[in-house]
Amino acid sequence: MGLSQAKLAEKIGISAHYIAQIEQENKFPSPEMLERIARALEFDSPQLFSMVSYNDDAIERFRKGVQTDLENAVSIAVGTRLAELKRPAASNLES
């Protein structure tokens, strides 16, 4: 369609940087975002999905990214919960 990343991003209401990240396979858009992109490019969603192909390296980077995000979230949650459990015990000692 001759759209630049900036024009496509403007049409969709997102940043051109995000479009670049998708094109470089560093970000994987949600189904909702793919639908927005398809509409902006005047494609049917099935046409767009048939054009999307991620290579094994991109899939592995995505998997590792999700794994890291989950590990970080669990670590934060565990740390927060431990702090909560310690708080009442410390309050009882002061009484």
Protein backbone atom coordinates (compact mmCIF):
# COMPACT_ATOMS: atom_id res chain seq x y z
CA MET A 1 0.00 0.00 0.00
CA GLY A 2 3.02 2.27 0.09
CA LEU A 3 2.57 3.13 3.77
CA SER A 4 5.61 3.96 5.82
CA GLN A 5 5.88 2.56 9.35
CA ALA A 6 5.04 6.04 10.64
CA LYS A 7 1.90 6.35 8.49
CA LEU A 8 0.72 2.84 9.37
CA ALA A 9 1.35 3.49 13.05
CA GLU A 10 -0.56 6.76 12.86
CA LYS A 11 -3.47 5.01 11.13
CA ILE A 12 -3.59 2.37 13.88
CA GLY A 13 -2.85 4.71 16.78
CA ILE A 14 0.41 3.11 17.93
CA SER A 15 4.10 4.03 17.70
CA ALA A 16 6.20 3.51 14.59
CA HIS A 17 8.77 1.89 16.89
CA TYR A 18 6.24 -0.83 17.75
CA ILE A 19 5.61 -1.46 14.03
CA ALA A 20 9.38 -1.76 13.50
CA GLN A 21 9.63 -4.22 16.40
CA ILE A 22 6.90 -6.36 14.82
CA GLU A 23 8.62 -6.30 11.44
CA GLN A 24 11.93 -7.29 13.04
CA GLU A 25 10.15 -10.12 14.89
CA ASN A 26 11.14 -8.69 18.27
CA LYS A 27 7.51 -8.16 19.27
CA PHE A 28 4.58 -10.44 18.64
CA PRO A 29 1.30 -8.55 18.34
CA SER A 30 -1.85 -9.75 20.02
CA PRO A 31 -4.70 -11.05 17.87
CA GLU A 32 -6.48 -7.74 18.47
CA MET A 33 -3.46 -5.79 17.23
CA LEU A 34 -3.17 -8.05 14.18
CA GLU A 35 -6.82 -7.30 13.45
CA ARG A 36 -6.14 -3.54 13.67
CA ILE A 37 -3.15 -3.89 11.35
CA ALA A 38 -5.18 -5.96 8.89
CA ARG A 39 -7.94 -3.33 8.79
CA ALA A 40 -5.41 -0.52 8.31
CA LEU A 41 -3.81 -2.43 5.42
CA GLU A 42 -7.25 -3.29 4.02
CA PHE A 43 -6.65 -7.03 4.38
CA ASP A 44 -8.97 -9.64 5.76
CA SER A 45 -7.55 -11.10 8.95
CA PRO A 46 -7.15 -14.58 7.39
CA GLN A 47 -5.08 -13.04 4.58
CA LEU A 48 -2.81 -11.36 7.10
CA PHE A 49 -2.43 -14.51 9.20
CA SER A 50 -1.46 -16.50 6.12
CA MET A 51 1.30 -13.96 5.42
CA VAL A 52 2.73 -14.08 8.95
CA SER A 53 5.55 -16.54 9.38
CA TYR A 54 7.94 -16.42 12.28
CA ASN A 55 11.28 -18.16 12.01
CA ASP A 56 12.58 -20.53 14.66
CA ASP A 57 14.99 -17.92 16.08
CA ALA A 58 12.19 -15.40 16.54
CA ILE A 59 10.00 -18.00 18.24
CA GLU A 60 12.85 -18.97 20.56
CA ARG A 61 13.53 -15.29 21.44
CA PHE A 62 9.83 -14.87 22.19
CA ARG A 63 9.75 -18.02 24.35
CA LYS A 64 12.80 -16.89 26.31
CA GLY A 65 11.32 -13.42 26.73
CA VAL A 66 8.07 -14.83 28.11
CA GLN A 67 9.98 -17.19 30.39
CA THR A 68 12.09 -14.31 31.74
CA ASP A 69 9.01 -12.15 32.27
CA LEU A 70 7.28 -14.98 34.16
CA GLU A 71 10.34 -15.66 36.30
CA ASN A 72 10.60 -11.97 37.17
CA ALA A 73 6.89 -11.76 38.02
CA VAL A 74 7.09 -14.85 40.24
CA SER A 75 10.20 -13.52 41.98
CA ILE A 76 8.49 -10.20 42.72
CA ALA A 77 5.32 -11.94 43.92
CA VAL A 78 7.27 -14.28 46.20
CA GLY A 79 9.31 -11.40 47.60
CA THR A 80 6.17 -9.37 48.26
CA ARG A 81 4.44 -12.31 49.94
CA LEU A 82 7.46 -13.05 52.12
CA ALA A 83 7.57 -9.41 53.20
CA GLU A 84 3.87 -9.59 54.10
CA LEU A 85 4.39 -12.77 56.11
CA LYS A 86 7.31 -11.26 58.02
CA ARG A 87 5.46 -8.06 58.90
CA PRO A 88 2.95 -9.54 61.39
CA ALA A 89 5.68 -11.55 63.10
CA ALA A 90 7.73 -8.39 63.60
CA SER A 91 4.65 -6.57 64.96
CA ASN A 92 4.06 -9.36 67.51
CA LEU A 93 7.63 -9.08 68.81
CA GLU A 94 7.20 -5.36 69.43
CA SER A 95 4.04 -5.86 71.52
